[in-house]
Amino acid sequence: MLLGKEKIMLRPGTVVRLKSGGPDMSVKEDLGSVILCQWFVGCKLESAFFPMESLCMLENKADAARFSGETLAA
């Protein structure tokens, strides 16, 4: 979902993905310019910080299936 230049606060639990691909991730915390995300690799919980510009928001399962690569911030 393209959100433009305005700053959008992401709620914990929002599903996002890197523009470059990868697993679906859940937002744990929005820290302003970076987002703390969590995801599972098998049974292991992983987490990392990502710049908002590197993420796209998945609104539903159909979005996850056809990943469009739109960004959260331009």
N, C-alpha and C. Protein backbone atom coordinates (compact mmCIF):
# COMPACT_ATOMS: atom_id res chain seq x y z
N MET A 1 0.84 -1.18 0.00
CA MET A 1 0.00 0.00 0.00
C MET A 1 0.88 1.24 0.00
N LEU A 2 0.74 2.08 -0.98
CA LEU A 2 1.52 3.30 -1.08
C LEU A 2 0.90 4.35 -0.17
N LEU A 3 1.71 4.87 0.75
CA LEU A 3 1.19 5.84 1.70
C LEU A 3 1.75 7.24 1.49
N GLY A 4 2.61 7.43 0.52
CA GLY A 4 3.13 8.75 0.21
C GLY A 4 4.15 9.24 1.21
N LYS A 5 4.34 10.56 1.24
CA LYS A 5 5.37 11.16 2.09
C LYS A 5 4.92 11.39 3.51
N GLU A 6 3.62 11.39 3.77
CA GLU A 6 3.15 11.62 5.13
C GLU A 6 3.58 10.46 6.03
N LYS A 7 3.85 10.77 7.28
CA LYS A 7 4.28 9.76 8.25
C LYS A 7 3.06 9.02 8.75
N ILE A 8 3.07 7.73 8.59
CA ILE A 8 1.99 6.87 9.06
C ILE A 8 2.53 6.05 10.22
N MET A 9 1.88 6.08 11.35
CA MET A 9 2.27 5.25 12.48
C MET A 9 1.68 3.86 12.26
N LEU A 10 2.52 2.86 12.34
CA LEU A 10 2.07 1.49 12.17
C LEU A 10 1.76 0.88 13.52
N ARG A 11 0.62 0.26 13.63
CA ARG A 11 0.22 -0.39 14.87
C ARG A 11 0.90 -1.74 15.02
N PRO A 12 1.19 -2.12 16.25
CA PRO A 12 1.71 -3.47 16.46
C PRO A 12 0.76 -4.50 15.85
N GLY A 13 1.34 -5.47 15.16
CA GLY A 13 0.54 -6.52 14.52
C GLY A 13 0.28 -6.28 13.05
N THR A 14 0.54 -5.06 12.56
CA THR A 14 0.39 -4.79 11.13
C THR A 14 1.34 -5.70 10.36
N VAL A 15 0.86 -6.30 9.28
CA VAL A 15 1.68 -7.21 8.49
C VAL A 15 2.38 -6.42 7.38
N VAL A 16 3.69 -6.56 7.32
CA VAL A 16 4.51 -5.86 6.33
C VAL A 16 5.46 -6.85 5.67
N ARG A 17 6.09 -6.40 4.60
CA ARG A 17 7.10 -7.20 3.91
C ARG A 17 8.12 -6.22 3.33
N LEU A 18 9.35 -6.68 3.20
CA LEU A 18 10.36 -5.86 2.54
C LEU A 18 9.99 -5.68 1.07
N LYS A 19 10.24 -4.49 0.53
CA LYS A 19 9.99 -4.25 -0.89
C LYS A 19 10.72 -5.26 -1.75
N SER A 20 11.88 -5.70 -1.31
CA SER A 20 12.68 -6.64 -2.07
C SER A 20 12.20 -8.08 -1.94
N GLY A 21 11.18 -8.31 -1.11
CA GLY A 21 10.64 -9.65 -0.91
C GLY A 21 10.98 -10.18 0.46
N GLY A 22 10.76 -11.46 0.65
CA GLY A 22 11.03 -12.07 1.94
C GLY A 22 9.75 -12.45 2.66
N PRO A 23 9.88 -12.84 3.92
CA PRO A 23 8.72 -13.32 4.66
C PRO A 23 7.79 -12.19 5.09
N ASP A 24 6.53 -12.53 5.32
CA ASP A 24 5.62 -11.60 5.97
C ASP A 24 6.13 -11.38 7.38
N MET A 25 6.09 -10.14 7.85
CA MET A 25 6.57 -9.80 9.18
C MET A 25 5.49 -9.01 9.91
N SER A 26 5.47 -9.11 11.23
CA SER A 26 4.56 -8.34 12.06
C SER A 26 5.30 -7.18 12.68
N VAL A 27 4.68 -6.01 12.66
CA VAL A 27 5.26 -4.85 13.32
C VAL A 27 5.17 -5.06 14.82
N LYS A 28 6.30 -4.91 15.50
CA LYS A 28 6.30 -4.95 16.97
C LYS A 28 6.22 -3.54 17.52
N GLU A 29 6.98 -2.61 16.89
CA GLU A 29 6.99 -1.24 17.37
C GLU A 29 7.40 -0.29 16.26
N ASP A 30 6.71 0.83 16.16
CA ASP A 30 7.04 1.89 15.22
C ASP A 30 7.83 2.93 15.98
N LEU A 31 9.11 3.09 15.63
CA LEU A 31 9.99 4.01 16.34
C LEU A 31 10.25 5.29 15.55
N GLY A 32 9.37 5.58 14.62
CA GLY A 32 9.53 6.78 13.82
C GLY A 32 10.15 6.46 12.47
N SER A 33 11.45 6.64 12.36
CA SER A 33 12.11 6.40 11.08
C SER A 33 12.43 4.93 10.84
N VAL A 34 12.39 4.12 11.90
CA VAL A 34 12.62 2.68 11.75
C VAL A 34 11.48 1.91 12.40
N ILE A 35 11.27 0.70 11.89
CA ILE A 35 10.19 -0.16 12.38
C ILE A 35 10.82 -1.45 12.89
N LEU A 36 10.45 -1.84 14.10
CA LEU A 36 10.89 -3.13 14.65
C LEU A 36 9.90 -4.19 14.20
N CYS A 37 10.39 -5.17 13.45
CA CYS A 37 9.53 -6.23 12.91
C CYS A 37 9.95 -7.58 13.48
N GLN A 38 8.98 -8.51 13.52
CA GLN A 38 9.23 -9.88 13.96
C GLN A 38 8.65 -10.84 12.93
N TRP A 39 9.30 -12.01 12.80
CA TRP A 39 8.81 -13.06 11.91
C TRP A 39 9.39 -14.38 12.39
N PHE A 40 8.84 -15.46 11.91
CA PHE A 40 9.31 -16.79 12.28
C PHE A 40 10.10 -17.41 11.14
N VAL A 41 11.19 -18.07 11.50
CA VAL A 41 11.94 -18.95 10.60
C VAL A 41 11.83 -20.32 11.23
N GLY A 42 10.93 -21.14 10.70
CA GLY A 42 10.60 -22.40 11.35
C GLY A 42 9.94 -22.09 12.69
N CYS A 43 10.52 -22.56 13.77
CA CYS A 43 10.00 -22.29 15.11
C CYS A 43 10.73 -21.16 15.82
N LYS A 44 11.73 -20.59 15.15
CA LYS A 44 12.55 -19.56 15.78
C LYS A 44 12.02 -18.16 15.45
N LEU A 45 11.79 -17.36 16.49
CA LEU A 45 11.34 -15.99 16.32
C LEU A 45 12.54 -15.09 16.02
N GLU A 46 12.47 -14.38 14.91
CA GLU A 46 13.51 -13.44 14.51
C GLU A 46 12.96 -12.03 14.64
N SER A 47 13.85 -11.05 14.76
CA SER A 47 13.42 -9.65 14.78
C SER A 47 14.55 -8.78 14.26
N ALA A 48 14.18 -7.63 13.70
CA ALA A 48 15.16 -6.69 13.18
C ALA A 48 14.47 -5.34 12.98
N PHE A 49 15.32 -4.29 12.89
CA PHE A 49 14.85 -2.94 12.59
C PHE A 49 15.00 -2.70 11.09
N PHE A 50 13.98 -2.06 10.49
CA PHE A 50 14.01 -1.74 9.06
C PHE A 50 13.58 -0.29 8.87
N PRO A 51 14.20 0.42 7.92
CA PRO A 51 13.70 1.76 7.58
C PRO A 51 12.30 1.64 7.00
N MET A 52 11.44 2.58 7.34
CA MET A 52 10.06 2.53 6.85
C MET A 52 10.02 2.46 5.33
N GLU A 53 10.94 3.17 4.66
CA GLU A 53 10.95 3.22 3.20
C GLU A 53 11.21 1.86 2.56
N SER A 54 11.75 0.91 3.33
CA SER A 54 12.07 -0.40 2.76
C SER A 54 10.91 -1.39 2.87
N LEU A 55 9.80 -0.96 3.49
CA LEU A 55 8.67 -1.86 3.75
C LEU A 55 7.45 -1.52 2.93
N CYS A 56 6.62 -2.54 2.69
CA CYS A 56 5.29 -2.33 2.14
C CYS A 56 4.31 -3.02 3.08
N MET A 57 3.11 -2.48 3.17
CA MET A 57 2.10 -3.01 4.07
C MET A 57 1.19 -3.96 3.28
N LEU A 58 0.92 -5.12 3.87
CA LEU A 58 0.01 -6.09 3.27
C LEU A 58 -1.33 -5.96 3.97
N GLU A 59 -2.37 -5.62 3.21
CA GLU A 59 -3.67 -5.38 3.82
C GLU A 59 -4.46 -6.65 4.10
N ASN A 60 -4.23 -7.68 3.29
CA ASN A 60 -4.98 -8.91 3.47
C ASN A 60 -4.24 -10.06 2.78
N LYS A 61 -4.78 -11.25 2.84
CA LYS A 61 -4.12 -12.43 2.25
C LYS A 61 -3.97 -12.29 0.74
N ALA A 62 -4.93 -11.64 0.08
CA ALA A 62 -4.82 -11.46 -1.37
C ALA A 62 -3.59 -10.60 -1.69
N ASP A 63 -3.35 -9.55 -0.87
CA ASP A 63 -2.16 -8.72 -1.08
C ASP A 63 -0.90 -9.54 -0.87
N ALA A 64 -0.91 -10.38 0.13
CA ALA A 64 0.27 -11.21 0.41
C ALA A 64 0.55 -12.13 -0.77
N ALA A 65 -0.50 -12.64 -1.40
CA ALA A 65 -0.34 -13.57 -2.51
C ALA A 65 0.17 -12.89 -3.77
N ARG A 66 -0.21 -11.65 -3.99
CA ARG A 66 0.18 -10.97 -5.23
C ARG A 66 1.14 -9.82 -4.99
N PHE A 67 1.83 -9.81 -3.88
CA PHE A 67 2.76 -8.77 -3.46
C PHE A 67 3.09 -7.78 -4.58
N SER A 68 2.70 -6.53 -4.34
CA SER A 68 2.85 -5.51 -5.38
C SER A 68 4.13 -4.71 -5.27
N GLY A 69 4.80 -4.73 -4.12
CA GLY A 69 6.04 -3.99 -3.97
C GLY A 69 5.86 -2.51 -3.70
N GLU A 70 4.65 -2.05 -3.38
CA GLU A 70 4.46 -0.65 -3.06
C GLU A 70 5.07 -0.34 -1.71
N THR A 71 5.50 0.89 -1.52
CA THR A 71 6.20 1.26 -0.29
C THR A 71 5.28 1.93 0.72
N LEU A 72 5.75 1.93 1.99
CA LEU A 72 5.03 2.63 3.03
C LEU A 72 5.31 4.13 2.99
N ALA A 73 6.48 4.50 2.58
CA ALA A 73 6.83 5.91 2.50
C ALA A 73 7.68 6.13 1.26
N ALA A 74 7.48 7.28 0.64
CA ALA A 74 8.25 7.56 -0.58
C ALA A 74 9.44 8.42 -0.25
